[in-house]
């Protein structure tokens, strides 16, 4: 489904569009550009979320390792007695 929109673009943007596409294909160019832009935003957002999740898990894993190290060391000392 297509929907007609009335948009205003800077003259320089229109000139750039006219250089890379025919006049009748401006809508297709704009649609493709918006779609690529939205995919890039999603990719960047996902990457940020994955990085944040990895950092949270790394902190949690470090805390668990420190707790287990203390318990393991305590058990080792008990076993030597």
PDB file of N, CA and C in Angstrom:
ATOM      1  N   UNK A   1       0.853  -1.176   0.000  1.00  0.00           N
ATOM      2  CA  UNK A   1       0.000   0.000   0.000  1.00  0.00           C
ATOM      3  C   UNK A   1       0.897   1.236   0.000  1.00  0.00           C
ATOM      4  N   UNK A   2       0.529   2.193  -0.768  1.00  0.00           N
ATOM      5  CA  UNK A   2       1.288   3.437  -0.842  1.00  0.00           C
ATOM      6  C   UNK A   2       0.421   4.569  -0.330  1.00  0.00           C
ATOM      7  N   UNK A   3       1.091   5.564   0.222  1.00  0.00           N
ATOM      8  CA  UNK A   3       0.378   6.720   0.760  1.00  0.00           C
ATOM      9  C   UNK A   3       1.092   7.980   0.301  1.00  0.00           C
ATOM     10  N   UNK A   4       0.343   8.939  -0.187  1.00  0.00           N
ATOM     11  CA  UNK A   4       0.916  10.185  -0.685  1.00  0.00           C
ATOM     12  C   UNK A   4       1.190  11.121   0.484  1.00  0.00           C
ATOM     13  N   UNK A   5       2.401  11.686   0.477  1.00  0.00           N
ATOM     14  CA  UNK A   5       2.793  12.650   1.496  1.00  0.00           C
ATOM     15  C   UNK A   5       3.291  13.917   0.817  1.00  0.00           C
ATOM     16  N   UNK A   6       3.117  15.009   1.487  1.00  0.00           N
ATOM     17  CA  UNK A   6       3.660  16.278   1.010  1.00  0.00           C
ATOM     18  C   UNK A   6       4.803  16.639   1.950  1.00  0.00           C
ATOM     19  N   UNK A   7       6.030  16.602   1.427  1.00  0.00           N
ATOM     20  CA  UNK A   7       7.187  16.883   2.272  1.00  0.00           C
ATOM     21  C   UNK A   7       7.976  18.056   1.701  1.00  0.00           C
ATOM     22  N   UNK A   8       8.734  18.685   2.567  1.00  0.00           N
ATOM     23  CA  UNK A   8       9.591  19.787   2.146  1.00  0.00           C
ATOM     24  C   UNK A   8      11.030  19.386   2.422  1.00  0.00           C
ATOM     25  N   UNK A   9      11.861  19.476   1.385  1.00  0.00           N
ATOM     26  CA  UNK A   9      13.268  19.119   1.508  1.00  0.00           C
ATOM     27  C   UNK A   9      14.133  20.309   1.131  1.00  0.00           C
ATOM     28  N   UNK A  10      15.330  20.365   1.680  1.00  0.00           N
ATOM     29  CA  UNK A  10      16.249  21.429   1.276  1.00  0.00           C
ATOM     30  C   UNK A  10      16.580  21.316  -0.219  1.00  0.00           C
ATOM     31  N   UNK A  11      16.792  22.429  -0.856  1.00  0.00           N
ATOM     32  CA  UNK A  11      17.092  22.458  -2.295  1.00  0.00           C
ATOM     33  C   UNK A  11      18.292  21.569  -2.624  1.00  0.00           C
ATOM     34  N   UNK A  12      19.324  21.604  -1.788  1.00  0.00           N
ATOM     35  CA  UNK A  12      20.517  20.783  -2.020  1.00  0.00           C
ATOM     36  C   UNK A  12      20.173  19.299  -2.030  1.00  0.00           C
ATOM     37  N   UNK A  13      19.272  18.885  -1.147  1.00  0.00           N
ATOM     38  CA  UNK A  13      18.858  17.484  -1.089  1.00  0.00           C
ATOM     39  C   UNK A  13      18.147  17.089  -2.374  1.00  0.00           C
ATOM     40  N   UNK A  14      17.277  17.961  -2.863  1.00  0.00           N
ATOM     41  CA  UNK A  14      16.554  17.682  -4.112  1.00  0.00           C
ATOM     42  C   UNK A  14      17.542  17.579  -5.272  1.00  0.00           C
ATOM     43  N   UNK A  15      18.529  18.455  -5.308  1.00  0.00           N
ATOM     44  CA  UNK A  15      19.539  18.401  -6.377  1.00  0.00           C
ATOM     45  C   UNK A  15      20.313  17.086  -6.322  1.00  0.00           C
ATOM     46  N   UNK A  16      20.670  16.668  -5.118  1.00  0.00           N
ATOM     47  CA  UNK A  16      21.362  15.384  -4.972  1.00  0.00           C
ATOM     48  C   UNK A  16      20.490  14.232  -5.459  1.00  0.00           C
ATOM     49  N   UNK A  17      19.221  14.269  -5.095  1.00  0.00           N
ATOM     50  CA  UNK A  17      18.295  13.222  -5.536  1.00  0.00           C
ATOM     51  C   UNK A  17      18.195  13.201  -7.051  1.00  0.00           C
ATOM     52  N   UNK A  18      18.094  14.375  -7.651  1.00  0.00           N
ATOM     53  CA  UNK A  18      17.962  14.457  -9.105  1.00  0.00           C
ATOM     54  C   UNK A  18      19.216  13.946  -9.815  1.00  0.00           C
ATOM     55  N   UNK A  19      20.366  14.043  -9.157  1.00  0.00           N
ATOM     56  CA  UNK A  19      21.600  13.542  -9.765  1.00  0.00           C
ATOM     57  C   UNK A  19      21.650  12.021  -9.788  1.00  0.00           C
ATOM     58  N   UNK A  20      21.035  11.374  -8.817  1.00  0.00           N
ATOM     59  CA  UNK A  20      21.156   9.916  -8.721  1.00  0.00           C
ATOM     60  C   UNK A  20      19.920   9.150  -9.190  1.00  0.00           C
ATOM     61  N   UNK A  21      18.839   9.845  -9.450  1.00  0.00           N
ATOM     62  CA  UNK A  21      17.628   9.140  -9.883  1.00  0.00           C
ATOM     63  C   UNK A  21      16.810  10.022 -10.816  1.00  0.00           C
ATOM     64  N   UNK A  22      15.956   9.371 -11.568  1.00  0.00           N
ATOM     65  CA  UNK A  22      15.057  10.133 -12.447  1.00  0.00           C
ATOM     66  C   UNK A  22      13.948  10.743 -11.616  1.00  0.00           C
ATOM     67  N   UNK A  23      13.374  11.766 -12.135  1.00  0.00           N
ATOM     68  CA  UNK A  23      12.336  12.503 -11.410  1.00  0.00           C
ATOM     69  C   UNK A  23      11.188  11.619 -10.943  1.00  0.00           C
ATOM     70  N   UNK A  24      10.758  10.714 -11.758  1.00  0.00           N
ATOM     71  CA  UNK A  24       9.635   9.854 -11.402  1.00  0.00           C
ATOM     72  C   UNK A  24       9.966   8.815 -10.342  1.00  0.00           C
ATOM     73  N   UNK A  25      11.235   8.698  -9.996  1.00  0.00           N
ATOM     74  CA  UNK A  25      11.637   7.671  -9.033  1.00  0.00           C
ATOM     75  C   UNK A  25      12.074   8.254  -7.694  1.00  0.00           C
ATOM     76  N   UNK A  26      11.742   9.501  -7.454  1.00  0.00           N
ATOM     77  CA  UNK A  26      12.102  10.128  -6.179  1.00  0.00           C
ATOM     78  C   UNK A  26      11.473   9.393  -4.996  1.00  0.00           C
ATOM     79  N   UNK A  27      10.224   9.017  -5.153  1.00  0.00           N
ATOM     80  CA  UNK A  27       9.521   8.330  -4.055  1.00  0.00           C
ATOM     81  C   UNK A  27      10.230   7.037  -3.677  1.00  0.00           C
ATOM     82  N   UNK A  28      10.656   6.286  -4.708  1.00  0.00           N
ATOM     83  CA  UNK A  28      11.360   5.026  -4.451  1.00  0.00           C
ATOM     84  C   UNK A  28      12.670   5.295  -3.718  1.00  0.00           C
ATOM     85  N   UNK A  29      13.396   6.328  -4.155  1.00  0.00           N
ATOM     86  CA  UNK A  29      14.660   6.674  -3.509  1.00  0.00           C
ATOM     87  C   UNK A  29      14.442   7.051  -2.041  1.00  0.00           C
ATOM     88  N   UNK A  30      13.437   7.875  -1.791  1.00  0.00           N
ATOM     89  CA  UNK A  30      13.147   8.292  -0.413  1.00  0.00           C
ATOM     90  C   UNK A  30      12.730   7.086   0.427  1.00  0.00           C
ATOM     91  N   UNK A  31      11.883   6.219  -0.131  1.00  0.00           N
ATOM     92  CA  UNK A  31      11.432   5.029   0.604  1.00  0.00           C
ATOM     93  C   UNK A  31      12.617   4.130   0.956  1.00  0.00           C
ATOM     94  N   UNK A  32      13.518   3.912  -0.008  1.00  0.00           N
ATOM     95  CA  UNK A  32      14.693   3.078   0.251  1.00  0.00           C
ATOM     96  C   UNK A  32      15.607   3.719   1.292  1.00  0.00           C
ATOM     97  N   UNK A  33      15.785   5.031   1.190  1.00  0.00           N
ATOM     98  CA  UNK A  33      16.654   5.732   2.146  1.00  0.00           C
ATOM     99  C   UNK A  33      16.086   5.643   3.563  1.00  0.00           C
ATOM    100  N   UNK A  34      14.783   5.833   3.702  1.00  0.00           N
ATOM    101  CA  UNK A  34      14.155   5.761   5.025  1.00  0.00           C
ATOM    102  C   UNK A  34      14.252   4.339   5.569  1.00  0.00           C
ATOM    103  N   UNK A  35      14.021   3.351   4.704  1.00  0.00           N
ATOM    104  CA  UNK A  35      14.101   1.956   5.140  1.00  0.00           C
ATOM    105  C   UNK A  35      15.516   1.611   5.611  1.00  0.00           C
ATOM    106  N   UNK A  36      16.521   2.019   4.855  1.00  0.00           N
ATOM    107  CA  UNK A  36      17.912   1.767   5.264  1.00  0.00           C
ATOM    108  C   UNK A  36      18.237   2.479   6.569  1.00  0.00           C
ATOM    109  N   UNK A  37      17.772   3.703   6.696  1.00  0.00           N
ATOM    110  CA  UNK A  37      18.024   4.478   7.909  1.00  0.00           C
ATOM    111  C   UNK A  37      17.413   3.783   9.123  1.00  0.00           C
ATOM    112  N   UNK A  38      16.173   3.313   8.980  1.00  0.00           N
ATOM    113  CA  UNK A  38      15.498   2.643  10.090  1.00  0.00           C
ATOM    114  C   UNK A  38      16.200   1.327  10.443  1.00  0.00           C
ATOM    115  N   UNK A  39      16.662   0.587   9.439  1.00  0.00           N
ATOM    116  CA  UNK A  39      17.399  -0.654   9.707  1.00  0.00           C
ATOM    117  C   UNK A  39      18.688  -0.348  10.456  1.00  0.00           C
ATOM    118  N   UNK A  40      19.368   0.724  10.053  1.00  0.00           N
ATOM    119  CA  UNK A  40      20.609   1.105  10.726  1.00  0.00           C
ATOM    120  C   UNK A  40      20.339   1.497  12.177  1.00  0.00           C
ATOM    121  N   UNK A  41      19.257   2.251  12.403  1.00  0.00           N
ATOM    122  CA  UNK A  41      18.896   2.608  13.779  1.00  0.00           C
ATOM    123  C   UNK A  41      18.631   1.356  14.607  1.00  0.00           C
ATOM    124  N   UNK A  42      17.922   0.399  14.024  1.00  0.00           N
ATOM    125  CA  UNK A  42      17.628  -0.852  14.733  1.00  0.00           C
ATOM    126  C   UNK A  42      18.911  -1.612  15.029  1.00  0.00           C
ATOM    127  N   UNK A  43      19.818  -1.655  14.056  1.00  0.00           N
ATOM    128  CA  UNK A  43      21.084  -2.361  14.231  1.00  0.00           C
ATOM    129  C   UNK A  43      21.911  -1.719  15.343  1.00  0.00           C
ATOM    130  N   UNK A  44      21.976  -0.391  15.332  1.00  0.00           N
ATOM    131  CA  UNK A  44      22.736   0.330  16.357  1.00  0.00           C
ATOM    132  C   UNK A  44      22.111   0.107  17.735  1.00  0.00           C
ATOM    133  N   UNK A  45      20.783   0.139  17.789  1.00  0.00           N
ATOM    134  CA  UNK A  45      20.086  -0.074  19.060  1.00  0.00           C
ATOM    135  C   UNK A  45      20.335  -1.490  19.581  1.00  0.00           C
ATOM    136  N   UNK A  46      20.244  -2.476  18.696  1.00  0.00           N
ATOM    137  CA  UNK A  46      20.487  -3.863  19.100  1.00  0.00           C
ATOM    138  C   UNK A  46      21.921  -4.031  19.587  1.00  0.00           C
ATOM    139  N   UNK A  47      22.865  -3.440  18.876  1.00  0.00           N
ATOM    140  CA  UNK A  47      24.270  -3.527  19.273  1.00  0.00           C
ATOM    141  C   UNK A  47      24.479  -2.920  20.660  1.00  0.00           C
ATOM    142  N   UNK A  48      23.841  -1.772  20.914  1.00  0.00           N
ATOM    143  CA  UNK A  48      23.955  -1.119  22.216  1.00  0.00           C
ATOM    144  C   UNK A  48      23.345  -1.997  23.311  1.00  0.00           C
ATOM    145  N   UNK A  49      22.179  -2.581  23.031  1.00  0.00           N
ATOM    146  CA  UNK A  49      21.526  -3.444  24.013  1.00  0.00           C
ATOM    147  C   UNK A  49      22.369  -4.683  24.308  1.00  0.00           C
ATOM    148  N   UNK A  50      22.966  -5.269  23.268  1.00  0.00           N
ATOM    149  CA  UNK A  50      23.814  -6.439  23.468  1.00  0.00           C
ATOM    150  C   UNK A  50      25.043  -6.083  24.299  1.00  0.00           C
ATOM    151  N   UNK A  51      25.630  -4.924  24.017  1.00  0.00           N
ATOM    152  CA  UNK A  51      26.808  -4.489  24.775  1.00  0.00           C
ATOM    153  C   UNK A  51      26.446  -4.280  26.240  1.00  0.00           C
ATOM    154  N   UNK A  52      25.309  -3.622  26.491  1.00  0.00           N
ATOM    155  CA  UNK A  52      24.883  -3.375  27.870  1.00  0.00           C
ATOM    156  C   UNK A  52      24.604  -4.689  28.594  1.00  0.00           C
ATOM    157  N   UNK A  53      23.956  -5.620  27.910  1.00  0.00           N
ATOM    158  CA  UNK A  53      23.675  -6.924  28.507  1.00  0.00           C
ATOM    159  C   UNK A  53      24.956  -7.681  28.831  1.00  0.00           C
ATOM    160  N   UNK A  54      25.917  -7.621  27.918  1.00  0.00           N
ATOM    161  CA  UNK A  54      27.195  -8.298  28.149  1.00  0.00           C
ATOM    162  C   UNK A  54      27.921  -7.687  29.345  1.00  0.00           C
ATOM    163  N   UNK A  55      27.859  -6.370  29.474  1.00  0.00           N
ATOM    164  CA  UNK A  55      28.505  -5.711  30.610  1.00  0.00           C
ATOM    165  C   UNK A  55      27.837  -6.103  31.924  1.00  0.00           C
ATOM    166  N   UNK A  56      26.502  -6.183  31.920  1.00  0.00           N
ATOM    167  CA  UNK A  56      25.793  -6.602  33.137  1.00  0.00           C
ATOM    168  C   UNK A  56      26.163  -8.038  33.507  1.00  0.00           C
ATOM    169  N   UNK A  57      26.195  -8.916  32.489  1.00  0.00           N
ATOM    170  CA  UNK A  57      26.546 -10.317  32.756  1.00  0.00           C
ATOM    171  C   UNK A  57      27.993 -10.437  33.227  1.00  0.00           C
ATOM    172  N   UNK A  58      28.874  -9.631  32.677  1.00  0.00           N
ATOM    173  CA  UNK A  58      30.284  -9.684  33.093  1.00  0.00           C
ATOM    174  C   UNK A  58      30.422  -9.298  34.560  1.00  0.00           C
ATOM    175  N   UNK A  59      29.703  -8.260  34.979  1.00  0.00           N
ATOM    176  CA  UNK A  59      29.742  -7.861  36.397  1.00  0.00           C
ATOM    177  C   UNK A  59      29.196  -8.976  37.278  1.00  0.00           C
ATOM    178  N   UNK A  60      28.072  -9.551  36.860  1.00  0.00           N
ATOM    179  CA  UNK A  60      27.462 -10.640  37.630  1.00  0.00           C
ATOM    180  C   UNK A  60      28.409 -11.834  37.702  1.00  0.00           C
ATOM    181  N   UNK A  61      29.008 -12.188  36.566  1.00  0.00           N
ATOM    182  CA  UNK A  61      29.920 -13.331  36.532  1.00  0.00           C
ATOM    183  C   UNK A  61      31.138 -13.100  37.418  1.00  0.00           C
ATOM    184  N   UNK A  62      31.656 -11.885  37.421  1.00  0.00           N
ATOM    185  CA  UNK A  62      32.803 -11.567  38.273  1.00  0.00           C
ATOM    186  C   UNK A  62      32.427 -11.704  39.746  1.00  0.00           C
ATOM    187  N   UNK A  63      31.251 -11.200  40.106  1.00  0.00           N
ATOM    188  CA  UNK A  63      30.798 -11.315  41.494  1.00  0.00           C
ATOM    189  C   UNK A  63      30.641 -12.780  41.896  1.00  0.00           C
ATOM    190  N   UNK A  64      30.048 -13.579  41.007  1.00  0.00           N
ATOM    191  CA  UNK A  64      29.892 -15.011  41.300  1.00  0.00           C
ATOM    192  C   UNK A  64      31.249 -15.696  41.435  1.00  0.00           C
ATOM    193  N   UNK A  65      32.170 -15.376  40.551  1.00  0.00           N
ATOM    194  CA  UNK A  65      33.502 -15.985  40.612  1.00  0.00           C
ATOM    195  C   UNK A  65      34.202 -15.620  41.916  1.00  0.00           C
ATOM    196  N   UNK A  66      34.056 -14.376  42.338  1.00  0.00           N
ATOM    197  CA  UNK A  66      34.679 -13.954  43.594  1.00  0.00           C
ATOM    198  C   UNK A  66      34.069 -14.691  44.783  1.00  0.00           C
ATOM    199  N   UNK A  67      32.744 -14.857  44.763  1.00  0.00           N
ATOM    200  CA  UNK A  67      32.082 -15.596  45.844  1.00  0.00           C
ATOM    201  C   UNK A  67      32.556 -17.051  45.866  1.00  0.00           C
ATOM    202  N   UNK A  68      32.591 -17.693  44.697  1.00  0.00           N
ATOM    203  CA  UNK A  68      33.008 -19.090  44.621  1.00  0.00           C
ATOM    204  C   UNK A  68      34.476 -19.252  44.990  1.00  0.00           C
ATOM    205  N   UNK A  69      35.296 -18.294  44.600  1.00  0.00           N
ATOM    206  CA  UNK A  69      36.713 -18.370  44.953  1.00  0.00           C
ATOM    207  C   UNK A  69      36.875 -18.385  46.465  1.00  0.00           C
ATOM    208  N   UNK A  70      36.148 -17.500  47.134  1.00  0.00           N
ATOM    209  CA  UNK A  70      36.228 -17.440  48.602  1.00  0.00           C
ATOM    210  C   UNK A  70      35.764 -18.757  49.215  1.00  0.00           C
ATOM    211  N   UNK A  71      34.664 -19.312  48.713  1.00  0.00           N
ATOM    212  CA  UNK A  71      34.155 -20.586  49.239  1.00  0.00           C
ATOM    213  C   UNK A  71      35.119 -21.728  48.947  1.00  0.00           C
ATOM    214  N   UNK A  72      35.657 -21.745  47.743  1.00  0.00           N
ATOM    215  CA  UNK A  72      36.581 -22.796  47.346  1.00  0.00           C
ATOM    216  C   UNK A  72      37.860 -22.732  48.176  1.00  0.00           C
ATOM    217  N   UNK A  73      38.351 -21.534  48.408  1.00  0.00           N
ATOM    218  CA  UNK A  73      39.556 -21.355  49.217  1.00  0.00           C
ATOM    219  C   UNK A  73      39.308 -21.814  50.659  1.00  0.00           C
ATOM    220  N   UNK A  74      38.136 -21.483  51.173  1.00  0.00           N
ATOM    221  CA  UNK A  74      37.778 -21.894  52.537  1.00  0.00           C
ATOM    222  C   UNK A  74      37.717 -23.418  52.626  1.00  0.00           C
ATOM    223  N   UNK A  75      37.092 -24.055  51.632  1.00  0.00           N
ATOM    224  CA  UNK A  75      36.986 -25.518  51.621  1.00  0.00           C
ATOM    225  C   UNK A  75      38.366 -26.152  51.490  1.00  0.00           C
ATOM    226  N   UNK A  76      39.237 -25.561  50.719  1.00  0.00           N
ATOM    227  CA  UNK A  76      40.585 -26.083  50.538  1.00  0.00           C
ATOM    228  C   UNK A  76      41.361 -26.044  51.855  1.00  0.00           C
ATOM    229  N   UNK A  77      41.225 -24.918  52.574  1.00  0.00           N
ATOM    230  CA  UNK A  77      41.905 -24.796  53.864  1.00  0.00           C
ATOM    231  C   UNK A  77      41.355 -25.812  54.871  1.00  0.00           C
ATOM    232  N   UNK A  78      40.069 -26.040  54.849  1.00  0.00           N
ATOM    233  CA  UNK A  78      39.468 -27.029  55.764  1.00  0.00           C
ATOM    234  C   UNK A  78      39.975 -28.433  55.443  1.00  0.00           C
ATOM    235  N   UNK A  79      40.122 -28.715  54.165  1.00  0.00           N
ATOM    236  CA  UNK A  79      40.571 -30.043  53.743  1.00  0.00           C
ATOM    237  C   UNK A  79      42.013 -30.320  54.106  1.00  0.00           C
ATOM    238  N   UNK A  80      42.805 -29.306  54.290  1.00  0.00           N
ATOM    239  CA  UNK A  80      44.220 -29.475  54.623  1.00  0.00           C
ATOM    240  C   UNK A  80      44.415 -29.756  56.101  1.00  0.00           C
ATOM    241  N   UNK A  81      43.407 -29.489  56.901  1.00  0.00           N
ATOM    242  CA  UNK A  81      43.547 -29.668  58.361  1.00  0.00           C
ATOM    243  C   UNK A  81      43.372 -31.093  58.771  1.00  0.00           C
TER     244      UNK A  81
END
